């Protein structure tokens, strides 16, 4: 995967975000906003995945829009990410938007390397995902979730479950003692993706 880096490589706080071309269009604005919101010295690595539906999916699932099914490439993607997280003196946060947000939540249940998860508008409608998280649970305590207030108002019957699913996830994490925030943003899934992701990272990083 091609990587794009921002900030100070010597910074103790490192952000990891899987992206596609759409995310890259706003990634510099996102990074600048994270710095502005936190006032922290940061280093960010954005990894451009080649196949969004395959590289970020923890297991195979049928298409919910269009004809492209979801693959099971998340394990390979995580292995590549972990190869970037070898400095024990640094704090690593993982996050992303949409399916990348789902991937970040899944990744947090595989390894203890991450300090927190910034999941902006994550695809928690993904089949069987909530059952998986209930069973495996994240291995970090700080989690941020968000959703646009119009995202569940869709004719797609699978994606329309996203509101109920994220409420269930937030409730479960709170009951299990996680430091979890659920924020509702104005608009549909495609509005202000860079701003929403910046807020996600800033929130989870700023909580002690």
C-alpha atoms as a PDB file:
ATOM      1  CA  UNK A   1       0.000   0.000   0.000  1.00  0.00           C
ATOM      2  CA  UNK A   2       1.176   3.503  -0.734  1.00  0.00           C
ATOM      3  CA  UNK A   3       1.610   5.668   2.343  1.00  0.00           C
ATOM      4  CA  UNK A   4       1.254   9.407   2.799  1.00  0.00           C
ATOM      5  CA  UNK A   5       2.805  10.974   5.878  1.00  0.00           C
ATOM      6  CA  UNK A   6       2.146  14.265   7.655  1.00  0.00           C
ATOM      7  CA  UNK A   7       3.702  16.011  10.634  1.00  0.00           C
ATOM      8  CA  UNK A   8       6.803  15.264  12.664  1.00  0.00           C
ATOM      9  CA  UNK A   9       8.209  11.704  12.378  1.00  0.00           C
ATOM     10  CA  UNK A  10       9.732  12.161  15.845  1.00  0.00           C
ATOM     11  CA  UNK A  11       6.368  12.928  17.473  1.00  0.00           C
ATOM     12  CA  UNK A  12       5.304  10.594  20.257  1.00  0.00           C
ATOM     13  CA  UNK A  13       1.690  10.510  19.084  1.00  0.00           C
ATOM     14  CA  UNK A  14       1.113   8.640  15.811  1.00  0.00           C
ATOM     15  CA  UNK A  15      -2.129   8.384  13.872  1.00  0.00           C
ATOM     16  CA  UNK A  16      -2.917   5.579  11.430  1.00  0.00           C
ATOM     17  CA  UNK A  17      -5.723   5.915   8.880  1.00  0.00           C
ATOM     18  CA  UNK A  18      -6.634   3.703   5.895  1.00  0.00           C
ATOM     19  CA  UNK A  19      -7.833   5.905   3.022  1.00  0.00           C
ATOM     20  CA  UNK A  20      -9.010   5.939  -0.581  1.00  0.00           C
ATOM     21  CA  UNK A  21      -8.774   8.684  -3.213  1.00  0.00           C
ATOM     22  CA  UNK A  22     -11.828  10.425  -1.759  1.00  0.00           C
ATOM     23  CA  UNK A  23     -10.229  10.620   1.694  1.00  0.00           C
ATOM     24  CA  UNK A  24      -6.914  11.815   0.279  1.00  0.00           C
ATOM     25  CA  UNK A  25      -8.638  14.837  -1.213  1.00  0.00           C
ATOM     26  CA  UNK A  26      -9.234  16.174   2.293  1.00  0.00           C
ATOM     27  CA  UNK A  27      -6.437  14.555   4.292  1.00  0.00           C
ATOM     28  CA  UNK A  28      -4.240  17.646   4.694  1.00  0.00           C
ATOM     29  CA  UNK A  29      -7.218  19.691   5.879  1.00  0.00           C
ATOM     30  CA  UNK A  30      -8.061  16.871   8.282  1.00  0.00           C
ATOM     31  CA  UNK A  31      -4.531  16.707   9.697  1.00  0.00           C
ATOM     32  CA  UNK A  32      -4.340  20.487  10.165  1.00  0.00           C
ATOM     33  CA  UNK A  33      -7.681  20.445  11.981  1.00  0.00           C
ATOM     34  CA  UNK A  34      -6.540  17.640  14.309  1.00  0.00           C
ATOM     35  CA  UNK A  35      -3.461  19.683  15.207  1.00  0.00           C
ATOM     36  CA  UNK A  36      -5.581  22.780  15.755  1.00  0.00           C
ATOM     37  CA  UNK A  37      -8.087  20.946  17.967  1.00  0.00           C
ATOM     38  CA  UNK A  38      -5.483  19.161  20.098  1.00  0.00           C
ATOM     39  CA  UNK A  39      -2.444  21.438  20.071  1.00  0.00           C
ATOM     40  CA  UNK A  40      -0.332  18.276  19.998  1.00  0.00           C
ATOM     41  CA  UNK A  41       2.801  17.412  18.076  1.00  0.00           C
ATOM     42  CA  UNK A  42       1.659  14.619  15.748  1.00  0.00           C
ATOM     43  CA  UNK A  43       2.749  12.209  13.066  1.00  0.00           C
ATOM     44  CA  UNK A  44       0.133  10.750  10.744  1.00  0.00           C
ATOM     45  CA  UNK A  45       0.329   7.903   8.256  1.00  0.00           C
ATOM     46  CA  UNK A  46      -2.441   7.503   5.705  1.00  0.00           C
ATOM     47  CA  UNK A  47      -2.410   4.149   3.917  1.00  0.00           C
ATOM     48  CA  UNK A  48      -4.122   4.087   0.537  1.00  0.00           C
ATOM     49  CA  UNK A  49      -5.856   0.739   0.123  1.00  0.00           C
ATOM     50  CA  UNK A  50      -6.148  -0.678  -3.374  1.00  0.00           C
ATOM     51  CA  UNK A  51      -9.493  -2.468  -2.933  1.00  0.00           C
ATOM     52  CA  UNK A  52     -11.712  -0.712  -0.379  1.00  0.00           C
ATOM     53  CA  UNK A  53     -14.331  -3.456   0.017  1.00  0.00           C
ATOM     54  CA  UNK A  54     -11.754  -6.236   0.227  1.00  0.00           C
ATOM     55  CA  UNK A  55      -8.845  -4.665   2.115  1.00  0.00           C
ATOM     56  CA  UNK A  56     -10.948  -3.316   4.983  1.00  0.00           C
ATOM     57  CA  UNK A  57     -13.465  -6.143   5.443  1.00  0.00           C
ATOM     58  CA  UNK A  58     -12.827  -8.641   8.265  1.00  0.00           C
ATOM     59  CA  UNK A  59     -14.766 -11.386   6.484  1.00  0.00           C
ATOM     60  CA  UNK A  60     -16.689 -11.964   3.282  1.00  0.00           C
ATOM     61  CA  UNK A  61     -20.183 -10.505   2.955  1.00  0.00           C
ATOM     62  CA  UNK A  62     -22.573  -9.899   0.070  1.00  0.00           C
ATOM     63  CA  UNK A  63     -22.819  -6.520  -1.604  1.00  0.00           C
ATOM     64  CA  UNK A  64     -25.307  -4.106  -0.040  1.00  0.00           C
ATOM     65  CA  UNK A  65     -25.086  -1.556  -2.843  1.00  0.00           C
ATOM     66  CA  UNK A  66     -23.888  -2.150  -6.382  1.00  0.00           C
ATOM     67  CA  UNK A  67     -22.496  -5.569  -7.252  1.00  0.00           C
ATOM     68  CA  UNK A  68     -19.143  -5.606  -5.442  1.00  0.00           C
ATOM     69  CA  UNK A  69     -19.059  -8.057  -2.547  1.00  0.00           C
ATOM     70  CA  UNK A  70     -16.994  -7.532   0.579  1.00  0.00           C
ATOM     71  CA  UNK A  71     -13.805  -9.535   0.912  1.00  0.00           C
ATOM     72  CA  UNK A  72     -11.721 -10.695   3.842  1.00  0.00           C
ATOM     73  CA  UNK A  73      -8.530  -8.690   3.483  1.00  0.00           C
ATOM     74  CA  UNK A  74      -8.543  -6.916   6.839  1.00  0.00           C
ATOM     75  CA  UNK A  75      -5.976  -9.256   8.393  1.00  0.00           C
ATOM     76  CA  UNK A  76      -3.439  -8.506   5.651  1.00  0.00           C
ATOM     77  CA  UNK A  77      -4.086  -4.777   5.970  1.00  0.00           C
ATOM     78  CA  UNK A  78      -3.613  -4.917   9.728  1.00  0.00           C
ATOM     79  CA  UNK A  79      -0.337  -6.810   9.334  1.00  0.00           C
ATOM     80  CA  UNK A  80       0.974  -4.000   7.147  1.00  0.00           C
ATOM     81  CA  UNK A  81      -0.181  -1.397   9.660  1.00  0.00           C
ATOM     82  CA  UNK A  82       1.445  -3.209  12.583  1.00  0.00           C
ATOM     83  CA  UNK A  83       4.769  -3.144  10.714  1.00  0.00           C
ATOM     84  CA  UNK A  84       4.594   0.654  11.131  1.00  0.00           C
ATOM     85  CA  UNK A  85       3.880   0.500  14.863  1.00  0.00           C
ATOM     86  CA  UNK A  86       7.122  -0.878  16.292  1.00  0.00           C
ATOM     87  CA  UNK A  87       8.317   1.978  18.524  1.00  0.00           C
ATOM     88  CA  UNK A  88       7.227   1.149  22.075  1.00  0.00           C
ATOM     89  CA  UNK A  89       7.855   4.732  23.179  1.00  0.00           C
ATOM     90  CA  UNK A  90       5.107   6.062  20.930  1.00  0.00           C
ATOM     91  CA  UNK A  91       1.337   6.087  21.237  1.00  0.00           C
ATOM     92  CA  UNK A  92      -0.609   4.810  18.244  1.00  0.00           C
ATOM     93  CA  UNK A  93      -4.199   5.694  17.420  1.00  0.00           C
ATOM     94  CA  UNK A  94      -6.136   4.100  14.586  1.00  0.00           C
ATOM     95  CA  UNK A  95      -9.149   5.561  12.860  1.00  0.00           C
ATOM     96  CA  UNK A  96     -10.988   6.143   9.661  1.00  0.00           C
ATOM     97  CA  UNK A  97     -14.215   6.963   7.920  1.00  0.00           C
ATOM     98  CA  UNK A  98     -16.986   4.616   6.805  1.00  0.00           C
ATOM     99  CA  UNK A  99     -15.627   1.096   6.190  1.00  0.00           C
ATOM    100  CA  UNK A 100     -12.228   2.271   7.444  1.00  0.00           C
ATOM    101  CA  UNK A 101     -13.932   3.154  10.728  1.00  0.00           C
ATOM    102  CA  UNK A 102     -15.327  -0.364  10.941  1.00  0.00           C
ATOM    103  CA  UNK A 103     -11.865  -1.728  10.182  1.00  0.00           C
ATOM    104  CA  UNK A 104     -10.386   0.381  12.994  1.00  0.00           C
ATOM    105  CA  UNK A 105     -12.902  -1.041  15.472  1.00  0.00           C
ATOM    106  CA  UNK A 106     -12.160  -4.581  14.301  1.00  0.00           C
ATOM    107  CA  UNK A 107      -8.406  -3.966  14.480  1.00  0.00           C
ATOM    108  CA  UNK A 108      -8.716  -2.814  18.087  1.00  0.00           C
ATOM    109  CA  UNK A 109      -9.965  -6.291  18.999  1.00  0.00           C
ATOM    110  CA  UNK A 110      -6.888  -7.930  17.464  1.00  0.00           C
ATOM    111  CA  UNK A 111      -4.012  -6.117  19.183  1.00  0.00           C
ATOM    112  CA  UNK A 112      -3.208  -4.000  22.225  1.00  0.00           C
ATOM    113  CA  UNK A 113      -0.935  -1.654  20.269  1.00  0.00           C
ATOM    114  CA  UNK A 114      -3.573   1.064  19.826  1.00  0.00           C
ATOM    115  CA  UNK A 115      -4.302   3.640  22.515  1.00  0.00           C
ATOM    116  CA  UNK A 116      -7.681   4.461  21.046  1.00  0.00           C
ATOM    117  CA  UNK A 117     -10.022   4.169  18.076  1.00  0.00           C
ATOM    118  CA  UNK A 118     -11.486   7.055  16.074  1.00  0.00           C
ATOM    119  CA  UNK A 119     -14.404   5.563  14.127  1.00  0.00           C
ATOM    120  CA  UNK A 120     -16.218   8.272  12.164  1.00  0.00           C
ATOM    121  CA  UNK A 121     -19.474   7.120  10.571  1.00  0.00           C
ATOM    122  CA  UNK A 122     -18.293   3.502  10.762  1.00  0.00           C
ATOM    123  CA  UNK A 123     -20.101   0.845   8.732  1.00  0.00           C
ATOM    124  CA  UNK A 124     -21.463  -0.952  11.779  1.00  0.00           C
ATOM    125  CA  UNK A 125     -24.305  -2.280   9.653  1.00  0.00           C
ATOM    126  CA  UNK A 126     -21.710  -4.814   8.410  1.00  0.00           C
ATOM    127  CA  UNK A 127     -23.182  -8.332   8.812  1.00  0.00           C
ATOM    128  CA  UNK A 128     -22.472 -10.002  12.175  1.00  0.00           C
ATOM    129  CA  UNK A 129     -20.101  -7.247  13.283  1.00  0.00           C
ATOM    130  CA  UNK A 130     -21.860  -6.367  16.535  1.00  0.00           C
ATOM    131  CA  UNK A 131     -21.961 -10.008  17.580  1.00  0.00           C
ATOM    132  CA  UNK A 132     -18.238 -10.212  16.901  1.00  0.00           C
ATOM    133  CA  UNK A 133     -17.430  -7.147  19.032  1.00  0.00           C
ATOM    134  CA  UNK A 134     -19.584  -8.425  21.873  1.00  0.00           C
ATOM    135  CA  UNK A 135     -17.594 -11.633  21.853  1.00  0.00           C
ATOM    136  CA  UNK A 136     -14.079 -10.316  21.226  1.00  0.00           C
ATOM    137  CA  UNK A 137     -14.225  -6.749  22.631  1.00  0.00           C
ATOM    138  CA  UNK A 138     -11.672  -4.021  21.821  1.00  0.00           C
ATOM    139  CA  UNK A 139      -8.342  -4.184  23.631  1.00  0.00           C
ATOM    140  CA  UNK A 140      -8.139  -0.419  24.165  1.00  0.00           C
ATOM    141  CA  UNK A 141     -10.461   1.578  26.394  1.00  0.00           C
ATOM    142  CA  UNK A 142     -10.856   4.864  24.485  1.00  0.00           C
ATOM    143  CA  UNK A 143     -13.293   4.753  21.572  1.00  0.00           C
ATOM    144  CA  UNK A 144     -15.027   7.459  19.578  1.00  0.00           C
ATOM    145  CA  UNK A 145     -18.090   6.776  17.430  1.00  0.00           C
ATOM    146  CA  UNK A 146     -20.071   9.157  15.251  1.00  0.00           C
ATOM    147  CA  UNK A 147     -22.867   9.111  12.729  1.00  0.00           C
ATOM    148  CA  UNK A 148     -24.656  11.636  10.544  1.00  0.00           C
ATOM    149  CA  UNK A 149     -28.224  12.224  11.686  1.00  0.00           C
ATOM    150  CA  UNK A 150     -29.536  11.345   8.212  1.00  0.00           C
ATOM    151  CA  UNK A 151     -27.468   8.224   7.620  1.00  0.00           C
ATOM    152  CA  UNK A 152     -30.086   5.772   8.869  1.00  0.00           C
ATOM    153  CA  UNK A 153     -32.745   7.397   6.669  1.00  0.00           C
ATOM    154  CA  UNK A 154     -32.013   5.369   3.570  1.00  0.00           C
ATOM    155  CA  UNK A 155     -34.023   2.972   1.441  1.00  0.00           C
ATOM    156  CA  UNK A 156     -31.274   0.363   1.616  1.00  0.00           C
ATOM    157  CA  UNK A 157     -32.573  -2.103   4.241  1.00  0.00           C
ATOM    158  CA  UNK A 158     -29.114  -3.163   5.444  1.00  0.00           C
ATOM    159  CA  UNK A 159     -27.600   0.292   5.690  1.00  0.00           C
ATOM    160  CA  UNK A 160     -30.771   1.626   7.329  1.00  0.00           C
ATOM    161  CA  UNK A 161     -29.850  -0.411  10.419  1.00  0.00           C
ATOM    162  CA  UNK A 162     -26.744   1.720  11.032  1.00  0.00           C
ATOM    163  CA  UNK A 163     -28.445   4.013  13.568  1.00  0.00           C
ATOM    164  CA  UNK A 164     -29.763   1.207  15.741  1.00  0.00           C
ATOM    165  CA  UNK A 165     -26.470  -0.676  15.417  1.00  0.00           C
ATOM    166  CA  UNK A 166     -24.319   2.229  16.545  1.00  0.00           C
ATOM    167  CA  UNK A 167     -26.630   2.931  19.485  1.00  0.00           C
ATOM    168  CA  UNK A 168     -26.366  -0.730  20.486  1.00  0.00           C
ATOM    169  CA  UNK A 169     -22.590  -0.639  20.153  1.00  0.00           C
ATOM    170  CA  UNK A 170     -22.276   2.524  22.240  1.00  0.00           C
ATOM    171  CA  UNK A 171     -24.535   1.071  24.945  1.00  0.00           C
ATOM    172  CA  UNK A 172     -22.602  -2.194  25.025  1.00  0.00           C
ATOM    173  CA  UNK A 173     -19.222  -0.468  25.278  1.00  0.00           C
ATOM    174  CA  UNK A 174     -20.481   1.786  28.082  1.00  0.00           C
ATOM    175  CA  UNK A 175     -21.806  -1.211  30.018  1.00  0.00           C
ATOM    176  CA  UNK A 176     -18.450  -2.934  29.597  1.00  0.00           C
ATOM    177  CA  UNK A 177     -16.591   0.030  31.091  1.00  0.00           C
ATOM    178  CA  UNK A 178     -15.117   1.526  27.932  1.00  0.00           C
ATOM    179  CA  UNK A 179     -14.494   5.262  27.681  1.00  0.00           C
ATOM    180  CA  UNK A 180     -16.765   5.664  24.660  1.00  0.00           C
ATOM    181  CA  UNK A 181     -18.248   8.779  23.057  1.00  0.00           C
ATOM    182  CA  UNK A 182     -21.040   8.722  20.460  1.00  0.00           C
ATOM    183  CA  UNK A 183     -21.478  11.990  18.578  1.00  0.00           C
ATOM    184  CA  UNK A 184     -24.220  12.795  16.080  1.00  0.00           C
ATOM    185  CA  UNK A 185     -23.264  15.013  13.158  1.00  0.00           C
ATOM    186  CA  UNK A 186     -25.572  16.935  10.883  1.00  0.00           C
ATOM    187  CA  UNK A 187     -26.180  15.476   7.457  1.00  0.00           C
ATOM    188  CA  UNK A 188     -25.841  12.271   5.496  1.00  0.00           C
ATOM    189  CA  UNK A 189     -22.908   9.900   5.113  1.00  0.00           C
ATOM    190  CA  UNK A 190     -21.113  12.029   2.540  1.00  0.00           C
ATOM    191  CA  UNK A 191     -21.004  15.357   4.382  1.00  0.00           C
ATOM    192  CA  UNK A 192     -17.794  16.758   5.919  1.00  0.00           C
ATOM    193  CA  UNK A 193     -15.937  13.432   6.005  1.00  0.00           C
ATOM    194  CA  UNK A 194     -12.611  15.165   6.685  1.00  0.00           C
ATOM    195  CA  UNK A 195     -13.985  17.315   9.496  1.00  0.00           C
ATOM    196  CA  UNK A 196     -15.789  14.360  11.079  1.00  0.00           C
ATOM    197  CA  UNK A 197     -12.648  12.220  11.018  1.00  0.00           C
ATOM    198  CA  UNK A 198     -10.566  15.041  12.472  1.00  0.00           C
ATOM    199  CA  UNK A 199     -13.065  15.443  15.325  1.00  0.00           C
ATOM    200  CA  UNK A 200     -12.926  11.700  15.911  1.00  0.00           C
ATOM    201  CA  UNK A 201      -9.159  11.592  16.302  1.00  0.00           C
ATOM    202  CA  UNK A 202      -9.071  14.787  18.380  1.00  0.00           C
ATOM    203  CA  UNK A 203     -11.723  13.486  20.762  1.00  0.00           C
ATOM    204  CA  UNK A 204     -10.146  10.128  21.457  1.00  0.00           C
ATOM    205  CA  UNK A 205      -6.651  11.617  21.783  1.00  0.00           C
ATOM    206  CA  UNK A 206      -7.696  14.382  24.177  1.00  0.00           C
ATOM    207  CA  UNK A 207      -9.283  12.075  26.740  1.00  0.00           C
ATOM    208  CA  UNK A 208      -6.967  11.071  29.571  1.00  0.00           C
END
